[in-house]
Amino acid sequence: MKTKFLSISLVALLLIGCKKGGYAESAYATADSAAVVSDSVSMAATQVVEGKQFVKTAEVDMEVKDVYDATISIEKQLQSLGGFVTKSRMEAQTLSEDTYNTSDESAMLVRKFQNQNRMQVRVPTQKLGEFLDFINDKKVFLNSRIISAEDVSAGIRLAKMESERQAKTQSNISQLKAGKDKVNLDDNNMSEANLQKYSDEILADNLKFSTVDIFIKEPKTSVAKIPIINTKNIDNEYKYNFLYDVKNAFVEGFYLIQQLFVFLISIWPIVLIGGLVFYFLRRRKVFVKSEE
């Protein structure tokens, strides 16, 4: 009866913590955890359950006062906790851009933008709750936060049994007579053992370090005023040059006459035949008129 009362109390604490933070959280967890639940962090981030092992991940989407300062602060805190950054993409999302001419030579580019950063970090699992507490203090508005604790206890037991099976298979193969079949069996078993070892190392790393995806942006719109050259006026200045264009027109006309002359020379047989046909038709017309 006492155990049931304690379980109900822990569940109530979890629900109160979620309501107080004002965000939605997801956790594959049980209520039998002995971990202390912070007001700003879900039980899924800090729980320790006897006989269970969890791969913990988190996704945080929030707005901060200054993206650059928040990023530097998060990276320093991460380093102090023994974590590391796997991805950080800071960029300014342009909302609008307008150019205003201020003189014949200069203009002003007014750009409205919003700073944001997408990060992926790995933090020691034991420090996940502390890290989430820290970044929670940097927010001015929390859009969403998802914390997951996947129970991989059964998978770990299966991996151990697979390792034992492969060791036993290797022992049986070593007792076979040397031959092509033994080589193939030995090679296949070694390949399976390597894959199992690789999977075990990945799982061990995921148990030791939790992956946290962070998206931060500024709630306000920033404005940048950038002095630039008045390109429109420069284009108009060099768009037309009367003397230069007239000179080019004469030169291009001269080249056109040359090309036409060369073209006529290249079709001289057609011109000659056409001239002869015209000549004979004209003579015939004159001859017919003389007979009349």
Protein backbone atom coordinates (compact mmCIF):
# COMPACT_ATOMS: atom_id res chain seq x y z
CA MET A 1 0.00 0.00 0.00
CA LYS A 2 2.88 2.31 0.87
CA THR A 3 4.64 1.56 -2.44
CA LYS A 4 1.46 2.33 -4.38
CA PHE A 5 1.15 5.67 -2.57
CA LEU A 6 4.75 6.59 -3.45
CA SER A 7 4.19 5.72 -7.13
CA ILE A 8 1.07 7.89 -7.31
CA SER A 9 2.97 10.77 -5.66
CA LEU A 10 5.78 10.60 -8.25
CA VAL A 11 3.30 10.61 -11.12
CA ALA A 12 1.62 13.67 -9.61
CA LEU A 13 4.97 15.46 -9.38
CA LEU A 14 5.64 14.73 -13.07
CA LEU A 15 2.28 16.13 -14.14
CA ILE A 16 2.76 19.26 -12.03
CA GLY A 17 6.24 19.82 -13.52
CA CYS A 18 4.89 19.59 -17.07
CA LYS A 19 2.03 21.98 -16.31
CA LYS A 20 4.31 24.50 -14.62
CA GLY A 21 6.76 24.64 -17.56
CA GLY A 22 4.06 25.33 -20.15
CA TYR A 23 5.34 22.90 -22.81
CA ALA A 24 4.69 19.42 -24.19
CA GLU A 25 7.08 16.59 -23.30
CA SER A 26 7.34 12.97 -24.39
CA ALA A 27 9.02 10.30 -22.24
CA TYR A 28 9.20 6.54 -22.28
CA ALA A 29 9.52 6.22 -18.51
CA THR A 30 8.12 4.56 -15.42
CA ALA A 31 6.99 6.11 -12.16
CA ASP A 32 9.38 4.06 -10.00
CA SER A 33 12.33 6.43 -10.50
CA ALA A 34 14.40 7.60 -7.56
CA ALA A 35 15.63 10.72 -9.45
CA VAL A 36 14.81 14.24 -8.32
CA VAL A 37 12.60 16.06 -10.83
CA SER A 38 13.46 19.73 -11.44
CA ASP A 39 10.75 22.32 -12.03
CA SER A 40 12.12 22.98 -15.51
CA VAL A 41 13.18 19.47 -16.60
CA SER A 42 11.15 16.34 -17.19
CA MET A 43 11.72 13.22 -15.11
CA ALA A 44 12.73 11.47 -18.35
CA ALA A 45 16.00 13.41 -18.42
CA THR A 46 17.13 12.46 -14.91
CA GLN A 47 15.44 9.17 -13.99
CA VAL A 48 17.44 6.18 -12.77
CA VAL A 49 15.55 2.90 -12.56
CA GLU A 50 17.08 -0.25 -11.13
CA GLY A 51 17.52 -2.92 -13.80
CA LYS A 52 16.79 -0.48 -16.64
CA GLN A 53 19.05 1.37 -19.05
CA PHE A 54 17.82 4.27 -21.16
CA VAL A 55 19.04 5.97 -24.33
CA LYS A 56 18.01 9.57 -23.73
CA THR A 57 17.49 12.26 -26.38
CA ALA A 58 16.00 15.74 -26.35
CA GLU A 59 14.73 18.34 -28.83
CA VAL A 60 14.44 21.99 -27.80
CA ASP A 61 12.86 24.79 -29.85
CA MET A 62 12.99 28.17 -28.14
CA GLU A 63 13.45 31.90 -28.60
CA VAL A 64 16.35 33.74 -26.97
CA LYS A 65 17.32 37.37 -26.54
CA ASP A 66 20.54 37.07 -28.57
CA VAL A 67 21.32 34.00 -30.68
CA TYR A 68 25.07 34.58 -30.85
CA ASP A 69 25.48 35.11 -27.10
CA ALA A 70 23.22 32.14 -26.32
CA THR A 71 25.23 29.91 -28.68
CA ILE A 72 28.56 30.84 -27.08
CA SER A 73 27.10 30.36 -23.61
CA ILE A 74 25.65 26.93 -24.50
CA GLU A 75 28.96 25.77 -26.02
CA LYS A 76 30.94 26.87 -22.94
CA GLN A 77 28.52 25.11 -20.60
CA LEU A 78 28.63 22.00 -22.77
CA GLN A 79 32.42 21.97 -22.64
CA SER A 80 32.42 22.30 -18.85
CA LEU A 81 30.09 19.28 -18.60
CA GLY A 82 32.32 17.14 -20.81
CA GLY A 83 30.07 17.26 -23.87
CA PHE A 84 30.73 18.31 -27.46
CA VAL A 85 29.07 19.87 -30.51
CA THR A 86 28.38 17.76 -33.60
CA LYS A 87 26.61 20.45 -35.66
CA SER A 88 26.06 24.20 -35.41
CA ARG A 89 24.48 26.19 -38.24
CA MET A 90 24.00 29.85 -37.45
CA GLU A 91 22.32 31.99 -40.08
CA ALA A 92 20.33 35.15 -40.60
CA GLN A 93 16.94 34.56 -42.20
CA THR A 94 16.22 37.54 -44.47
CA LEU A 95 12.63 38.71 -44.13
CA SER A 96 12.77 41.69 -46.53
CA GLU A 97 15.31 43.72 -48.47
CA ASP A 98 14.90 47.19 -50.01
CA THR A 99 17.32 49.62 -51.68
CA TYR A 100 16.93 53.39 -51.33
CA ASN A 101 19.00 55.78 -53.49
CA THR A 102 20.46 58.60 -51.40
CA SER A 103 22.53 60.37 -54.12
CA ASP A 104 23.79 59.90 -57.68
CA GLU A 105 26.70 57.81 -56.39
CA SER A 106 25.41 56.08 -53.24
CA ALA A 107 22.41 54.17 -51.91
CA MET A 108 21.31 52.42 -48.71
CA LEU A 109 20.39 48.73 -48.53
CA VAL A 110 17.90 48.13 -45.70
CA ARG A 111 17.67 44.47 -44.77
CA LYS A 112 15.30 43.05 -42.15
CA PHE A 113 16.37 39.69 -40.77
CA GLN A 114 16.05 37.24 -37.90
CA ASN A 115 19.04 35.39 -36.42
CA GLN A 116 18.73 31.68 -35.73
CA ASN A 117 20.89 28.65 -35.06
CA ARG A 118 20.40 24.90 -35.37
CA MET A 119 22.67 22.86 -33.13
CA GLN A 120 23.18 19.20 -32.35
CA VAL A 121 25.19 18.42 -29.26
CA ARG A 122 26.18 15.36 -27.24
CA VAL A 123 26.11 15.70 -23.47
CA PRO A 124 27.01 13.07 -20.85
CA THR A 125 23.76 11.35 -19.96
CA GLN A 126 24.30 11.90 -16.25
CA LYS A 127 24.52 15.66 -16.94
CA LEU A 128 21.50 15.86 -19.28
CA GLY A 129 19.16 17.30 -16.67
CA GLU A 130 21.72 19.91 -15.62
CA PHE A 131 22.33 20.89 -19.24
CA LEU A 132 18.61 21.23 -20.01
CA ASP A 133 18.21 23.32 -16.86
CA PHE A 134 20.95 25.64 -18.09
CA ILE A 135 19.54 26.21 -21.60
CA ASN A 136 16.04 26.61 -20.15
CA ASP A 137 17.30 29.69 -18.30
CA LYS A 138 18.37 31.23 -21.64
CA LYS A 139 14.88 31.25 -23.14
CA VAL A 140 12.50 34.16 -23.51
CA PHE A 141 9.86 31.83 -24.96
CA LEU A 142 9.77 28.04 -25.22
CA ASN A 143 8.05 26.77 -28.35
CA SER A 144 8.50 23.07 -27.64
CA ARG A 145 10.66 20.56 -25.83
CA ILE A 146 10.62 16.80 -26.30
CA ILE A 147 12.59 14.49 -24.02
CA SER A 148 12.71 10.77 -24.75
CA ALA A 149 14.08 7.92 -22.65
CA GLU A 150 14.10 4.70 -24.67
CA ASP A 151 14.43 1.53 -22.61
CA VAL A 152 17.17 -0.60 -24.26
CA SER A 153 17.59 -3.12 -21.44
CA ALA A 154 16.18 -6.00 -23.49
CA GLY A 155 18.40 -5.09 -26.43
CA ILE A 156 21.49 -5.17 -24.20
CA ARG A 157 20.57 -8.63 -22.91
CA LEU A 158 20.02 -9.85 -26.48
CA ALA A 159 23.42 -8.47 -27.53
CA LYS A 160 25.08 -10.34 -24.67
CA MET A 161 23.39 -13.59 -25.68
CA GLU A 162 24.44 -13.05 -29.31
CA SER A 163 28.05 -12.56 -28.24
CA GLU A 164 27.90 -15.82 -26.26
CA ARG A 165 26.38 -17.63 -29.24
CA GLN A 166 29.11 -16.37 -31.59
CA ALA A 167 31.82 -17.42 -29.13
CA LYS A 168 30.30 -20.91 -28.90
CA THR A 169 30.00 -21.10 -32.71
CA GLN A 170 33.65 -20.10 -33.05
CA SER A 171 34.62 -22.86 -30.62
CA ASN A 172 32.68 -25.43 -32.67
CA ILE A 173 34.24 -24.22 -35.94
CA SER A 174 37.76 -24.50 -34.51
CA GLN A 175 37.14 -28.24 -33.90
CA LEU A 176 36.34 -28.89 -37.59
CA LYS A 177 38.90 -30.22 -40.01
CA ALA A 178 40.77 -27.67 -42.07
CA GLY A 179 39.16 -27.00 -45.43
CA LYS A 180 37.29 -24.57 -47.60
CA ASP A 181 34.05 -24.97 -45.63
CA LYS A 182 35.82 -24.23 -42.35
CA VAL A 183 37.36 -21.06 -43.81
CA ASN A 184 33.97 -19.83 -45.01
CA LEU A 185 32.27 -20.60 -41.69
CA ASP A 186 35.05 -18.91 -39.77
CA ASP A 187 34.89 -15.84 -42.01
CA ASN A 188 31.09 -15.52 -41.72
CA ASN A 189 31.17 -15.90 -37.95
CA MET A 190 33.92 -13.31 -37.64
CA SER A 191 31.90 -10.91 -39.82
CA GLU A 192 28.86 -11.34 -37.55
CA ALA A 193 31.03 -10.80 -34.48
CA ASN A 194 32.44 -7.56 -35.94
CA LEU A 195 28.95 -6.25 -36.71
CA GLN A 196 27.81 -7.15 -33.21
CA LYS A 197 30.82 -5.40 -31.71
CA TYR A 198 30.11 -2.31 -33.84
CA SER A 199 26.47 -2.25 -32.69
CA ASP A 200 27.55 -2.68 -29.06
CA GLU A 201 29.96 0.28 -29.33
CA ILE A 202 27.26 2.52 -30.82
CA LEU A 203 24.81 1.52 -28.10
CA ALA A 204 27.43 2.10 -25.39
CA ASP A 205 28.13 5.56 -26.83
CA ASN A 206 24.42 6.41 -26.93
CA LEU A 207 24.07 5.31 -23.31
CA LYS A 208 27.05 7.40 -22.24
CA PHE A 209 26.15 10.52 -24.26
CA SER A 210 22.66 11.91 -24.93
CA THR A 211 21.90 13.68 -28.21
CA VAL A 212 20.22 17.09 -27.91
CA ASP A 213 18.89 18.94 -30.96
CA ILE A 214 18.55 22.68 -30.29
CA PHE A 215 16.86 25.32 -32.42
CA ILE A 216 17.13 28.89 -31.15
CA LYS A 217 16.03 32.15 -32.77
CA GLU A 218 15.45 35.76 -31.81
CA PRO A 219 11.81 36.87 -31.35
CA LYS A 220 12.51 40.36 -32.67
CA THR A 221 13.35 41.46 -36.20
CA SER A 222 16.78 43.02 -36.64
CA VAL A 223 17.56 45.72 -39.21
CA ALA A 224 20.86 46.18 -41.05
CA LYS A 225 21.63 49.40 -42.96
CA ILE A 226 24.35 48.73 -45.53
CA PRO A 227 25.82 51.60 -47.63
CA ILE A 228 26.14 50.52 -51.27
CA ILE A 229 26.76 52.10 -54.70
CA ASN A 230 23.85 53.56 -56.65
CA THR A 231 24.04 51.00 -59.45
CA LYS A 232 20.97 52.36 -61.28
CA ASN A 233 22.58 55.75 -61.79
CA ILE A 234 25.83 54.13 -62.92
CA ASP A 235 23.93 52.00 -65.44
CA ASN A 236 22.21 55.11 -66.82
CA GLU A 237 25.55 56.92 -67.03
CA TYR A 238 27.09 54.30 -69.28
CA LYS A 239 23.97 53.03 -71.01
CA TYR A 240 24.33 55.36 -74.05
CA ASN A 241 27.38 57.09 -75.64
CA PHE A 242 26.28 58.92 -78.81
CA LEU A 243 29.66 59.37 -80.54
CA TYR A 244 30.78 55.87 -79.69
CA ASP A 245 27.50 54.35 -80.90
CA VAL A 246 27.57 56.40 -84.17
CA LYS A 247 31.14 55.31 -84.89
CA ASN A 248 30.21 51.68 -84.24
CA ALA A 249 27.15 52.05 -86.50
CA PHE A 250 29.35 53.20 -89.43
CA VAL A 251 31.84 50.41 -88.83
CA GLU A 252 29.12 47.77 -88.55
CA GLY A 253 27.48 49.14 -91.76
CA PHE A 254 30.80 48.88 -93.61
CA TYR A 255 31.21 45.31 -92.40
CA LEU A 256 27.64 44.57 -93.47
CA ILE A 257 28.40 45.76 -97.03
CA GLN A 258 31.51 43.57 -97.08
CA GLN A 259 29.56 40.57 -95.92
CA LEU A 260 26.85 41.20 -98.51
CA PHE A 261 29.46 41.51 -101.26
CA VAL A 262 31.17 38.30 -100.19
CA PHE A 263 27.78 36.58 -100.04
CA LEU A 264 26.97 37.63 -103.62
CA ILE A 265 30.34 36.34 -104.78
CA SER A 266 29.72 33.01 -103.08
CA ILE A 267 26.43 32.57 -105.03
CA TRP A 268 27.79 33.81 -108.38
CA PRO A 269 26.47 30.77 -110.32
CA ILE A 270 22.94 31.53 -109.21
CA VAL A 271 23.40 35.22 -110.03
CA LEU A 272 24.85 34.35 -113.47
CA ILE A 273 22.03 31.95 -114.32
CA GLY A 274 19.45 34.45 -113.11
CA GLY A 275 21.05 37.16 -115.24
CA LEU A 276 21.04 34.97 -118.36
CA VAL A 277 17.41 33.99 -117.81
CA PHE A 278 16.47 37.65 -117.38
CA TYR A 279 18.44 38.58 -120.53
CA PHE A 280 16.79 35.91 -122.75
CA LEU A 281 13.32 36.69 -121.45
CA ARG A 282 13.84 40.39 -122.18
CA ARG A 283 15.12 39.68 -125.71
CA ARG A 284 12.20 37.40 -126.37
CA LYS A 285 9.80 40.11 -125.27
CA VAL A 286 11.49 42.64 -127.56
CA PHE A 287 11.43 40.15 -130.45
CA VAL A 288 7.71 39.48 -130.02
CA LYS A 289 6.95 43.18 -130.02
CA SER A 290 8.97 43.72 -133.23
CA GLU A 291 7.01 41.00 -135.04
CA GLU A 292 3.74 42.65 -134.12
